[in-house]
């Protein structure tokens, strides 16, 4: 089946046929006209390696790498690895894999904040020497108590008036490991009465004895994120520091650090982060789902992580298209997950080969078909793309059809198989049901007996008669057994974090996963590579699970249904 594999373009950044525009790109256009930064464009994607990337990060990746590519600039990949207690090399490697998978390449521009630890330390010493930073002995709770509130100014630390000489000595001894974790911090000396809480003498270094994934135990003091982040941007010559709205209140602090140290000053521009319905976008909450066993891991196909979406069968093209469609705004809003699902349907409808699989098999015996006869019927992989080719479908006396495609007592407008009714088998023949076999104990139909019309080969009648129903099927002796996971939305509430007093896990969808273990699929799917995507005709889009499939055990994940069934459910609720 490799001959029909999708023909996709790798390492794309944006859709070349679409000229993207938004307020950030407008700012950059004006900067280029004014020859600001000598008309250089340098952006960066700066993840913290404390978890897996999710669909919200994809928006930032597409924006930063995309803007650089559109303006013949460069985009760095930098890990802001300043908190070794929560970071791991596993997250570093997963992030690199996700960025590559999305189609972006940082070439030789891979950086780490830990690359700059010595320079950051010297910057801190510079602030101490200028009387702009001091060593404080208050503990974490006392610092919070002294900080004040939005309506009440903070109170100065009793250690704020230490001399420059004493602060230099204490800070050097902090680095040398003389003090216990948490016993002292280095704070910037700004304004405890500022209306912006971030400016009330923020901590810029803390003592933390933790093994760092790159520097080992070389350091026992680490810079805080706000200090390291803006200075790392400066050291890399970033021209436009593009970040989400929650960092808007941090911008005055970044400006203060950069101005006091008199270093290169990137322009920070904030945009609205992605909020997606029926999911959560907080790494802390996603980690909670993983750690408490509500999902099987960061790459669980129900998770909004890029590894989870990839395992579920999403394509990088569909995610890039989604990020283009939602655009870039200044205000937070909720994006309906139906748009993301529409993007993957649109992509797979064009590129995914059509195959047949039966999820809940019902045995069908064609009584007038020769017992020892096997035909090979031709089935195209795509109705609109002949370049995908076709495959041979073995047809025999005993088949499987979908259990839901038969009713002994059919309701009105049921056009599939029932007693005395004729239907078409896809690419095969017309069949008519003559009798059923039932389980003696449960009275459940376990086998359907039919006759076929040999004059309808290919699924069309030479005498012009028509049937209303067309069913998918597989040959009982030639089909392959498979496990199929039917994934649905992880939460059954559009905004699971919208109620402050309610645990978001209350709204976990109990039907987010249904596992079917006795499915049958056509033989052309043998040997499919992990991650291969197909449309199971009439059922949805599926991919070969990247973890649990092998030559002897096929496992498929449902990527998305053929239609948006949730839209119908929501409409009924209204």
Protein backbone atom coordinates (compact mmCIF):
# COMPACT_ATOMS: atom_id res chain seq x y z
CA UNK A 1 0.00 0.00 0.00
CA UNK A 2 3.06 2.27 0.07
CA UNK A 3 2.45 3.33 -3.54
CA UNK A 4 -0.53 5.46 -2.49
CA UNK A 5 1.25 7.19 0.39
CA UNK A 6 0.44 10.86 0.70
CA UNK A 7 2.46 13.31 -1.40
CA UNK A 8 3.22 16.08 1.04
CA UNK A 9 5.62 19.02 1.08
CA UNK A 10 8.08 18.96 3.98
CA UNK A 11 9.56 21.90 5.86
CA UNK A 12 6.88 24.38 4.81
CA UNK A 13 6.34 27.47 6.93
CA UNK A 14 3.23 29.12 5.56
CA UNK A 15 0.88 28.73 2.66
CA UNK A 16 2.74 30.55 -0.11
CA UNK A 17 -0.51 31.45 -1.83
CA UNK A 18 -1.81 33.34 1.19
CA UNK A 19 -0.42 36.73 2.22
CA UNK A 20 -0.84 36.75 5.98
CA UNK A 21 -1.48 39.99 7.79
CA UNK A 22 -2.05 40.92 11.42
CA UNK A 23 -1.05 43.63 13.86
CA UNK A 24 2.34 42.03 14.58
CA UNK A 25 3.22 41.71 10.92
CA UNK A 26 2.08 45.32 10.41
CA UNK A 27 4.50 46.45 13.16
CA UNK A 28 7.34 44.53 11.53
CA UNK A 29 6.51 45.96 8.11
CA UNK A 30 6.77 49.48 9.53
CA UNK A 31 10.04 48.63 11.31
CA UNK A 32 11.52 47.39 8.04
CA UNK A 33 10.44 50.56 6.24
CA UNK A 34 12.14 52.61 8.96
CA UNK A 35 15.29 50.47 8.71
CA UNK A 36 14.98 49.67 12.41
CA UNK A 37 17.62 47.14 13.56
CA UNK A 38 19.26 47.69 10.16
CA UNK A 39 16.24 45.96 8.63
CA UNK A 40 17.12 42.68 10.38
CA UNK A 41 14.39 40.35 11.64
CA UNK A 42 15.42 37.93 14.36
CA UNK A 43 12.72 36.06 16.28
CA UNK A 44 12.82 33.08 18.61
CA UNK A 45 10.68 30.29 19.98
CA UNK A 46 11.66 29.97 23.67
CA UNK A 47 9.95 26.99 25.38
CA UNK A 48 10.65 25.90 28.93
CA UNK A 49 11.61 22.19 28.89
CA UNK A 50 9.20 21.29 31.70
CA UNK A 51 6.54 19.51 29.66
CA UNK A 52 5.40 18.62 26.17
CA UNK A 53 4.33 21.22 23.62
CA UNK A 54 0.61 21.60 22.92
CA UNK A 55 -1.48 23.14 20.16
CA UNK A 56 -1.13 26.57 21.78
CA UNK A 57 2.63 26.38 21.33
CA UNK A 58 2.06 25.52 17.67
CA UNK A 59 0.51 28.97 17.22
CA UNK A 60 3.68 30.58 18.60
CA UNK A 61 5.95 28.31 16.55
CA UNK A 62 4.12 29.12 13.31
CA UNK A 63 4.11 32.82 14.15
CA UNK A 64 7.79 33.16 15.06
CA UNK A 65 9.24 30.90 12.38
CA UNK A 66 6.70 32.14 9.85
CA UNK A 67 7.46 35.84 10.37
CA UNK A 68 11.19 35.17 10.08
CA UNK A 69 10.75 33.23 6.84
CA UNK A 70 8.43 35.84 5.32
CA UNK A 71 10.98 38.60 5.93
CA UNK A 72 14.18 36.70 5.09
CA UNK A 73 15.07 36.73 8.75
CA UNK A 74 16.08 34.02 11.20
CA UNK A 75 14.33 32.31 14.09
CA UNK A 76 16.16 30.71 17.01
CA UNK A 77 15.03 27.76 19.04
CA UNK A 78 16.01 28.48 22.63
CA UNK A 79 15.24 26.47 25.73
CA UNK A 80 14.65 28.67 28.77
CA UNK A 81 16.07 26.02 31.09
CA UNK A 82 16.42 27.96 34.36
CA UNK A 83 14.45 25.65 36.68
CA UNK A 84 16.20 22.25 36.83
CA UNK A 85 13.79 20.91 39.44
CA UNK A 86 11.05 20.68 36.78
CA UNK A 87 13.04 20.19 33.59
CA UNK A 88 14.21 17.07 31.82
CA UNK A 89 16.11 16.10 28.68
CA UNK A 90 13.01 14.10 27.67
CA UNK A 91 11.12 17.35 27.25
CA UNK A 92 14.00 18.92 25.30
CA UNK A 93 14.04 16.08 22.77
CA UNK A 94 10.25 16.00 22.46
CA UNK A 95 10.15 19.75 21.77
CA UNK A 96 12.78 19.47 19.05
CA UNK A 97 10.86 16.60 17.48
CA UNK A 98 7.60 18.59 17.55
CA UNK A 99 9.12 21.70 15.94
CA UNK A 100 10.66 19.59 13.17
CA UNK A 101 7.40 17.72 12.68
CA UNK A 102 5.52 20.97 12.19
CA UNK A 103 7.88 21.69 9.30
CA UNK A 104 10.32 24.20 10.79
CA UNK A 105 14.10 24.09 11.05
CA UNK A 106 16.34 26.15 13.31
CA UNK A 107 19.50 24.96 11.47
CA UNK A 108 22.50 25.97 13.63
CA UNK A 109 20.49 28.29 15.86
CA UNK A 110 19.80 26.00 18.83
CA UNK A 111 20.40 27.79 22.13
CA UNK A 112 19.80 27.33 25.84
CA UNK A 113 19.48 29.91 28.60
CA UNK A 114 22.01 27.72 30.42
CA UNK A 115 24.51 28.72 27.71
CA UNK A 116 24.43 32.15 29.32
CA UNK A 117 24.57 31.26 33.04
CA UNK A 118 27.99 32.83 33.54
CA UNK A 119 27.03 36.00 31.63
CA UNK A 120 23.72 36.22 33.52
CA UNK A 121 25.60 35.94 36.79
CA UNK A 122 27.89 38.78 35.73
CA UNK A 123 24.85 40.87 34.79
CA UNK A 124 23.50 40.29 38.30
CA UNK A 125 26.84 41.34 39.78
CA UNK A 126 26.66 44.47 37.63
CA UNK A 127 23.26 45.33 39.15
CA UNK A 128 24.61 44.75 42.67
CA UNK A 129 27.57 47.03 42.01
CA UNK A 130 25.19 49.70 40.70
CA UNK A 131 23.14 49.47 43.89
CA UNK A 132 20.22 48.01 41.91
CA UNK A 133 20.14 44.56 43.53
CA UNK A 134 20.55 43.17 47.04
CA UNK A 135 20.69 39.87 48.90
CA UNK A 136 17.56 39.30 50.97
CA UNK A 137 17.23 36.85 53.88
CA UNK A 138 13.41 36.82 53.96
CA UNK A 139 11.91 33.41 53.23
CA UNK A 140 9.43 32.85 50.41
CA UNK A 141 6.34 33.39 52.56
CA UNK A 142 7.77 36.57 54.09
CA UNK A 143 8.57 37.92 50.63
CA UNK A 144 4.96 37.30 49.61
CA UNK A 145 3.70 39.00 52.78
CA UNK A 146 5.94 42.02 52.22
CA UNK A 147 4.90 42.30 48.60
CA UNK A 148 1.48 43.81 49.28
CA UNK A 149 -1.57 43.54 47.06
CA UNK A 150 -3.07 45.27 44.05
CA UNK A 151 -4.63 47.84 46.38
CA UNK A 152 -1.98 47.93 49.10
CA UNK A 153 1.67 48.92 48.52
CA UNK A 154 4.45 46.56 49.51
CA UNK A 155 6.81 46.92 52.45
CA UNK A 156 10.55 47.18 52.02
CA UNK A 157 12.69 44.27 53.15
CA UNK A 158 14.83 44.98 56.26
CA UNK A 159 17.81 43.77 54.15
CA UNK A 160 17.19 46.27 51.36
CA UNK A 161 19.76 48.76 52.72
CA UNK A 162 22.71 46.36 52.79
CA UNK A 163 25.87 47.89 51.37
CA UNK A 164 27.13 47.05 47.91
CA UNK A 165 30.17 45.35 49.46
CA UNK A 166 28.06 43.14 51.71
CA UNK A 167 25.73 42.20 48.84
CA UNK A 168 28.66 41.31 46.58
CA UNK A 169 30.16 39.14 49.31
CA UNK A 170 26.87 37.37 50.08
CA UNK A 171 26.01 36.82 46.42
CA UNK A 172 29.46 35.33 45.77
CA UNK A 173 29.01 33.03 48.77
CA UNK A 174 25.55 32.05 47.48
CA UNK A 175 27.24 30.90 44.28
CA UNK A 176 29.92 29.07 46.28
CA UNK A 177 27.22 27.01 48.03
CA UNK A 178 27.70 28.30 51.58
CA UNK A 179 23.98 28.75 52.29
CA UNK A 180 21.01 26.42 52.47
CA UNK A 181 18.38 26.28 49.73
CA UNK A 182 15.79 29.01 50.22
CA UNK A 183 17.77 30.82 52.90
CA UNK A 184 18.70 33.78 50.71
CA UNK A 185 17.77 35.30 47.35
CA UNK A 186 19.03 38.11 45.19
CA UNK A 187 16.36 40.73 44.51
CA UNK A 188 16.23 43.69 42.16
CA UNK A 189 15.86 47.02 43.96
CA UNK A 190 13.06 48.80 42.12
CA UNK A 191 9.90 50.12 43.81
CA UNK A 192 7.87 48.40 46.54
CA UNK A 193 5.03 50.90 45.98
CA UNK A 194 4.72 50.27 42.24
CA UNK A 195 1.24 49.60 40.90
CA UNK A 196 2.76 46.68 38.96
CA UNK A 197 3.48 43.85 41.41
CA UNK A 198 6.23 42.55 39.13
CA UNK A 199 8.24 45.71 39.89
CA UNK A 200 8.16 45.27 43.68
CA UNK A 201 11.74 44.11 44.15
CA UNK A 202 11.38 40.81 42.25
CA UNK A 203 13.64 37.85 43.00
CA UNK A 204 16.24 37.39 40.27
CA UNK A 205 18.37 34.56 41.76
CA UNK A 206 17.58 31.76 44.21
CA UNK A 207 19.59 29.00 45.81
CA UNK A 208 18.57 25.63 44.39
CA UNK A 209 20.61 22.47 44.62
CA UNK A 210 19.26 20.47 41.72
CA UNK A 211 20.96 18.54 38.95
CA UNK A 212 20.68 20.46 35.70
CA UNK A 213 20.25 18.40 32.53
CA UNK A 214 23.10 20.32 30.85
CA UNK A 215 25.31 21.86 33.54
CA UNK A 216 25.04 19.09 36.11
CA UNK A 217 25.88 20.33 39.61
CA UNK A 218 28.11 23.21 38.46
CA UNK A 219 25.59 25.76 39.73
CA UNK A 220 23.63 25.89 42.98
CA UNK A 221 22.06 29.27 42.21
CA UNK A 222 19.77 29.79 39.22
CA UNK A 223 18.34 32.93 37.61
CA UNK A 224 14.61 33.47 37.69
CA UNK A 225 12.71 33.27 34.41
CA UNK A 226 11.98 37.00 34.09
CA UNK A 227 15.66 37.89 34.49
CA UNK A 228 17.04 35.19 32.21
CA UNK A 229 14.40 35.43 29.50
CA UNK A 230 14.78 39.06 28.45
CA UNK A 231 18.58 38.97 28.75
CA UNK A 232 18.80 35.79 26.68
CA UNK A 233 16.78 37.60 23.99
CA UNK A 234 19.23 40.48 24.24
CA UNK A 235 22.31 38.26 24.00
CA UNK A 236 20.94 36.59 20.88
CA UNK A 237 20.18 39.89 19.18
CA UNK A 238 16.46 39.22 18.99
CA UNK A 239 14.71 42.12 17.27
CA UNK A 240 11.10 41.20 18.03
CA UNK A 241 10.32 39.30 21.21
CA UNK A 242 6.87 37.93 20.47
CA UNK A 243 5.01 36.47 23.47
CA UNK A 244 1.52 35.93 24.84
CA UNK A 245 -0.60 38.43 26.73
CA UNK A 246 0.17 37.13 30.22
CA UNK A 247 3.65 38.62 29.83
CA UNK A 248 2.35 42.12 29.13
CA UNK A 249 2.63 43.06 32.81
CA UNK A 250 6.19 41.73 32.81
CA UNK A 251 7.31 44.04 30.02
CA UNK A 252 8.14 46.99 32.37
CA UNK A 253 10.40 44.64 34.34
CA UNK A 254 12.13 43.43 31.18
CA UNK A 255 12.59 47.03 30.10
CA UNK A 256 14.08 47.88 33.51
CA UNK A 257 16.63 45.06 33.36
CA UNK A 258 17.68 45.89 29.79
CA UNK A 259 17.89 49.62 30.42
CA UNK A 260 19.77 49.35 33.71
CA UNK A 261 22.31 47.02 32.13
CA UNK A 262 22.48 49.13 28.96
CA UNK A 263 22.30 46.14 26.60
CA UNK A 264 20.54 45.45 23.30
CA UNK A 265 16.81 46.01 23.76
CA UNK A 266 14.44 43.74 21.76
CA UNK A 267 10.91 44.98 21.12
CA UNK A 268 8.37 42.90 23.04
CA UNK A 269 5.00 42.42 21.36
CA UNK A 270 2.18 40.50 23.06
CA UNK A 271 -0.59 38.55 21.37
CA UNK A 272 -3.55 36.52 22.61
CA UNK A 273 -2.77 32.94 23.49
CA UNK A 274 -4.83 30.11 22.05
CA UNK A 275 -7.77 28.98 24.16
CA UNK A 276 -9.42 25.91 22.67
CA UNK A 277 -12.85 24.63 23.66
CA UNK A 278 -13.29 21.18 25.22
CA UNK A 279 -9.68 21.05 26.39
CA UNK A 280 -7.19 22.67 28.76
CA UNK A 281 -4.04 24.49 27.69
CA UNK A 282 -2.18 24.74 30.97
CA UNK A 283 0.95 22.57 31.19
CA UNK A 284 0.32 22.26 34.92
CA UNK A 285 -3.18 20.89 34.33
CA UNK A 286 -2.01 18.65 31.52
CA UNK A 287 0.71 17.28 33.81
CA UNK A 288 -1.97 16.63 36.43
CA UNK A 289 -3.97 14.55 33.94
CA UNK A 290 -0.85 12.51 33.16
CA UNK A 291 0.34 12.09 36.75
CA UNK A 292 -3.10 11.09 38.05
CA UNK A 293 -3.66 8.55 35.29
CA UNK A 294 -6.63 10.20 33.59
CA UNK A 295 -4.73 9.73 30.32
CA UNK A 296 -2.02 7.26 29.37
CA UNK A 297 0.72 9.86 28.93
CA UNK A 298 1.69 13.13 27.28
CA UNK A 299 1.16 11.50 23.87
CA UNK A 300 -2.29 10.14 24.67
CA UNK A 301 -4.31 10.84 21.48
CA UNK A 302 -6.92 12.72 23.56
CA UNK A 303 -4.34 15.24 24.74
CA UNK A 304 -3.90 18.62 22.97
CA UNK A 305 -0.12 18.04 22.94
CA UNK A 306 1.54 17.93 19.55
CA UNK A 307 2.76 14.41 20.30
CA UNK A 308 -0.81 13.40 21.15
CA UNK A 309 -2.24 15.01 18.03
CA UNK A 310 0.49 13.38 15.92
CA UNK A 311 -0.27 9.96 17.39
CA UNK A 312 -3.96 10.54 16.78
CA UNK A 313 -3.28 11.16 13.09
CA UNK A 314 -3.24 14.93 12.76
CA UNK A 315 -0.98 16.23 10.02
CA UNK A 316 1.44 19.16 10.39
CA UNK A 317 -0.25 20.77 7.38
CA UNK A 318 -3.63 20.75 9.12
CA UNK A 319 -2.20 22.35 12.26
CA UNK A 320 -0.36 25.03 10.29
CA UNK A 321 -3.57 25.72 8.39
CA UNK A 322 -5.48 25.95 11.68
CA UNK A 323 -2.96 28.45 13.06
CA UNK A 324 -3.30 30.57 9.93
CA UNK A 325 -7.09 30.55 10.12
CA UNK A 326 -7.36 31.58 13.76
CA UNK A 327 -4.99 34.47 13.10
CA UNK A 328 -3.26 36.69 15.65
CA UNK A 329 -5.28 38.96 17.94
CA UNK A 330 -4.70 41.28 20.88
CA UNK A 331 -7.56 39.98 23.01
CA UNK A 332 -8.10 36.51 24.47
CA UNK A 333 -10.97 34.50 23.04
CA UNK A 334 -12.13 30.91 22.84
CA UNK A 335 -11.60 29.04 19.57
CA UNK A 336 -14.06 26.23 18.87
CA UNK A 337 -12.27 22.89 18.59
CA UNK A 338 -14.60 22.18 15.66
CA UNK A 339 -12.36 24.45 13.55
CA UNK A 340 -9.32 22.31 14.35
CA UNK A 341 -11.31 19.19 13.47
CA UNK A 342 -12.48 20.84 10.25
CA UNK A 343 -8.87 21.53 9.27
CA UNK A 344 -7.82 17.90 9.67
CA UNK A 345 -10.93 16.67 7.83
CA UNK A 346 -10.20 19.07 4.99
CA UNK A 347 -6.60 17.86 4.73
CA UNK A 348 -7.31 14.14 5.04
CA UNK A 349 -10.26 14.31 2.65
CA UNK A 350 -7.80 15.43 0.01
CA UNK A 351 -4.85 13.20 0.84
CA UNK A 352 -5.98 10.10 2.78
CA UNK A 353 -6.54 6.89 0.80
CA UNK A 354 -9.91 5.17 1.12
CA UNK A 355 -9.97 1.66 2.57
CA UNK A 356 -12.56 -0.57 4.20
CA UNK A 357 -12.72 -1.68 7.78
CA UNK A 358 -15.51 -3.20 9.85
CA UNK A 359 -15.53 -2.12 13.48
CA UNK A 360 -18.34 -4.31 14.82
CA UNK A 361 -18.42 -7.34 12.51
CA UNK A 362 -21.55 -9.24 11.54
CA UNK A 363 -20.99 -12.46 9.56
CA UNK A 364 -22.62 -12.60 6.13
CA UNK A 365 -22.86 -15.85 4.11
CA UNK A 366 -23.69 -15.60 0.41
CA UNK A 367 -25.41 -18.91 -0.16
CA UNK A 368 -25.30 -18.93 -3.96
CA UNK A 369 -21.65 -17.90 -4.22
CA UNK A 370 -19.26 -20.83 -4.90
CA UNK A 371 -17.54 -21.96 -1.71
CA UNK A 372 -14.08 -22.29 -3.24
CA UNK A 373 -14.22 -19.15 -5.37
CA UNK A 374 -12.23 -15.99 -4.62
CA UNK A 375 -12.41 -12.88 -6.77
CA UNK A 376 -10.17 -9.85 -6.74
CA UNK A 377 -12.15 -6.69 -7.20
CA UNK A 378 -10.57 -3.36 -7.98
CA UNK A 379 -11.01 -0.49 -5.53
CA UNK A 380 -9.51 2.98 -6.14
CA UNK A 381 -7.73 4.61 -3.23
CA UNK A 382 -9.29 7.99 -3.90
CA UNK A 383 -12.38 8.94 -5.90
CA UNK A 384 -10.85 12.19 -7.16
CA UNK A 385 -7.14 11.39 -7.37
CA UNK A 386 -6.30 8.58 -9.75
CA UNK A 387 -2.57 9.06 -9.08
CA UNK A 388 -3.07 7.26 -5.77
CA UNK A 389 -3.81 4.09 -7.70
CA UNK A 390 -5.98 1.22 -6.51
CA UNK A 391 -5.83 -2.04 -4.62
CA UNK A 392 -7.29 -5.53 -5.05
CA UNK A 393 -10.10 -6.51 -2.70
CA UNK A 394 -10.60 -10.26 -2.19
CA UNK A 395 -14.27 -11.26 -2.38
CA UNK A 396 -15.46 -14.61 -1.09
CA UNK A 397 -18.56 -16.49 0.07
CA UNK A 398 -18.26 -15.33 3.69
CA UNK A 399 -17.95 -11.64 4.49
CA UNK A 400 -18.22 -9.24 7.39
CA UNK A 401 -20.36 -6.13 7.36
CA UNK A 402 -20.99 -3.55 10.06
CA UNK A 403 -23.49 -4.80 12.65
CA UNK A 404 -25.33 -1.47 12.51
CA UNK A 405 -25.88 -1.99 8.78
CA UNK A 406 -28.44 -4.74 9.42
CA UNK A 407 -31.85 -4.51 11.07
CA UNK A 408 -34.26 -7.40 11.34
CA UNK A 409 -37.08 -4.93 11.87
CA UNK A 410 -35.84 -1.75 10.21
CA UNK A 411 -37.21 1.68 11.13
CA UNK A 412 -38.43 4.10 8.49
CA UNK A 413 -35.72 5.60 6.27
CA UNK A 414 -33.38 2.72 7.06
CA UNK A 415 -31.92 1.92 3.63
CA UNK A 416 -29.35 -0.66 4.62
CA UNK A 417 -29.70 -4.45 4.83
CA UNK A 418 -32.78 -6.17 6.21
CA UNK A 419 -34.83 -9.28 5.46
CA UNK A 420 -35.94 -9.29 1.83
CA UNK A 421 -34.06 -6.08 1.00
CA UNK A 422 -31.36 -5.67 -1.63
CA UNK A 423 -28.27 -3.48 -1.10
CA UNK A 424 -25.00 -2.81 -2.89
CA UNK A 425 -21.64 -3.98 -1.54
CA UNK A 426 -19.04 -1.35 -2.32
CA UNK A 427 -17.07 -2.27 -5.52
CA UNK A 428 -18.71 -5.75 -5.48
CA UNK A 429 -22.28 -6.96 -6.04
CA UNK A 430 -25.91 -6.52 -5.10
CA UNK A 431 -26.93 -8.87 -2.29
CA UNK A 432 -30.37 -9.66 -0.84
CA UNK A 433 -30.98 -10.95 2.69
CA UNK A 434 -32.94 -14.22 2.82
CA UNK A 435 -32.66 -15.38 6.43
CA UNK A 436 -30.84 -14.84 9.73
CA UNK A 437 -29.26 -17.08 12.37
CA UNK A 438 -29.73 -16.12 16.00
CA UNK A 439 -28.03 -17.00 19.25
CA UNK A 440 -30.36 -19.40 21.05
CA UNK A 441 -29.78 -17.82 24.44
CA UNK A 442 -29.68 -14.09 23.65
CA UNK A 443 -31.80 -14.08 20.47
CA UNK A 444 -29.15 -11.83 18.94
CA UNK A 445 -28.56 -12.06 15.19
CA UNK A 446 -25.14 -13.68 14.72
CA UNK A 447 -25.21 -14.49 11.02
CA UNK A 448 -27.03 -13.17 7.96
CA UNK A 449 -27.63 -15.29 4.86
CA UNK A 450 -27.92 -13.63 1.47
CA UNK A 451 -27.93 -14.28 -2.24
CA UNK A 452 -25.98 -12.24 -4.76
CA UNK A 453 -26.65 -11.20 -8.34
CA UNK A 454 -23.58 -12.11 -10.45
CA UNK A 455 -24.72 -9.62 -13.11
CA UNK A 456 -24.01 -6.69 -10.79
CA UNK A 457 -20.22 -7.05 -10.58
CA UNK A 458 -18.64 -3.76 -9.66
CA UNK A 459 -21.76 -2.73 -7.77
CA UNK A 460 -23.97 -1.75 -10.71
CA UNK A 461 -26.99 -3.41 -12.25
CA UNK A 462 -27.12 -4.03 -16.00
CA UNK A 463 -30.93 -3.93 -15.99
CA UNK A 464 -31.08 -0.44 -14.53
CA UNK A 465 -32.55 -1.31 -11.16
CA UNK A 466 -31.33 0.79 -8.26
CA UNK A 467 -30.80 0.23 -4.57
CA UNK A 468 -30.74 2.84 -1.82
CA UNK A 469 -27.99 1.44 0.38
CA UNK A 470 -24.26 0.86 -0.18
CA UNK A 471 -22.34 -1.04 2.49
CA UNK A 472 -18.64 -1.49 3.19
CA UNK A 473 -17.40 -5.02 3.86
CA UNK A 474 -14.36 -7.28 4.13
CA UNK A 475 -13.76 -10.91 3.28
CA UNK A 476 -13.85 -13.10 6.38
CA UNK A 477 -10.90 -15.28 5.35
CA UNK A 478 -8.70 -12.50 3.98
CA UNK A 479 -9.31 -9.60 6.31
CA UNK A 480 -6.97 -8.72 9.16
CA UNK A 481 -7.89 -8.52 12.82
CA UNK A 482 -7.31 -5.14 14.38
CA UNK A 483 -7.87 -3.11 17.51
CA UNK A 484 -9.51 0.25 16.98
CA UNK A 485 -9.60 3.12 19.48
CA UNK A 486 -12.49 5.53 19.03
CA UNK A 487 -11.31 8.80 20.55
CA UNK A 488 -13.57 11.69 21.37
CA UNK A 489 -13.12 15.04 23.09
CA UNK A 490 -11.39 14.84 26.45
CA UNK A 491 -13.95 17.05 28.20
CA UNK A 492 -17.71 17.26 27.82
CA UNK A 493 -17.85 20.94 28.77
CA UNK A 494 -16.72 23.66 26.35
CA UNK A 495 -14.79 25.56 29.04
CA UNK A 496 -13.76 23.05 31.73
CA UNK A 497 -11.76 25.68 33.65
CA UNK A 498 -14.44 28.36 33.53
CA UNK A 499 -15.70 27.83 37.09
CA UNK A 500 -13.15 28.80 39.72
CA UNK A 501 -14.61 26.69 42.52
CA UNK A 502 -14.95 23.52 40.42
CA UNK A 503 -12.15 21.08 39.69
CA UNK A 504 -11.68 21.01 35.91
CA UNK A 505 -11.40 17.20 36.05
CA UNK A 506 -15.10 17.11 37.00
CA UNK A 507 -15.84 17.64 33.32
CA UNK A 508 -13.71 14.81 31.93
CA UNK A 509 -15.69 13.03 29.24
CA UNK A 510 -16.30 9.43 30.39
CA UNK A 511 -16.78 8.45 26.74
CA UNK A 512 -13.57 9.98 25.43
CA UNK A 513 -12.22 6.52 24.54
CA UNK A 514 -13.92 3.34 23.35
CA UNK A 515 -11.67 0.41 22.47
CA UNK A 516 -12.89 -2.22 20.01
CA UNK A 517 -10.83 -5.41 19.90
CA UNK A 518 -12.42 -7.63 17.23
CA UNK A 519 -12.41 -5.34 14.22
CA UNK A 520 -11.56 -6.48 10.70
CA UNK A 521 -9.76 -4.48 8.02
CA UNK A 522 -8.97 -5.15 4.39
CA UNK A 523 -5.65 -6.96 3.65
CA UNK A 524 -4.08 -3.96 1.88
CA UNK A 525 -3.45 -2.51 5.35
CA UNK A 526 -0.94 -5.22 6.21
CA UNK A 527 2.46 -3.75 6.95
CA UNK A 528 1.28 -0.17 7.12
CA UNK A 529 3.86 2.12 8.69
CA UNK A 530 3.11 3.64 12.11
CA UNK A 531 1.29 6.93 11.65
CA UNK A 532 -0.12 6.02 8.20
CA UNK A 533 -3.52 7.63 7.70
CA UNK A 534 -6.57 6.34 5.86
CA UNK A 535 -10.25 6.98 5.57
CA UNK A 536 -12.25 3.95 6.61
CA UNK A 537 -15.15 4.37 4.21
CA UNK A 538 -18.33 5.59 5.93
CA UNK A 539 -16.63 5.49 9.37
CA UNK A 540 -14.06 8.25 9.66
CA UNK A 541 -10.35 8.93 9.40
CA UNK A 542 -7.94 6.58 11.15
CA UNK A 543 -4.20 6.17 11.56
CA UNK A 544 -1.96 3.27 12.52
CA UNK A 545 -1.00 3.75 16.17
CA UNK A 546 2.68 4.62 16.43
CA UNK A 547 3.18 2.74 19.70
CA UNK A 548 0.98 -0.32 19.75
CA UNK A 549 1.03 -1.57 16.16
CA UNK A 550 3.39 -4.25 14.88
CA UNK A 551 3.45 -6.78 12.07
CA UNK A 552 1.39 -9.14 14.17
CA UNK A 553 -0.93 -6.64 15.87
CA UNK A 554 -2.66 -3.82 14.06
CA UNK A 555 -3.99 -0.94 16.16
CA UNK A 556 -5.77 2.08 14.71
CA UNK A 557 -6.68 5.40 16.28
CA UNK A 558 -9.67 7.34 15.04
CA UNK A 559 -8.40 10.78 14.13
CA UNK A 560 -11.78 12.37 13.49
CA UNK A 561 -15.25 11.39 12.36
CA UNK A 562 -16.39 12.08 8.82
CA UNK A 563 -18.80 14.73 10.07
CA UNK A 564 -19.01 16.95 13.11
CA UNK A 565 -21.35 14.89 15.30
CA UNK A 566 -20.78 17.21 18.26
CA UNK A 567 -22.34 20.11 16.37
CA UNK A 568 -25.54 18.10 16.11
CA UNK A 569 -25.44 17.26 19.83
CA UNK A 570 -24.94 20.92 20.78
CA UNK A 571 -27.75 21.96 18.46
CA UNK A 572 -30.12 19.50 20.17
CA UNK A 573 -29.17 20.91 23.58
CA UNK A 574 -30.27 24.37 22.45
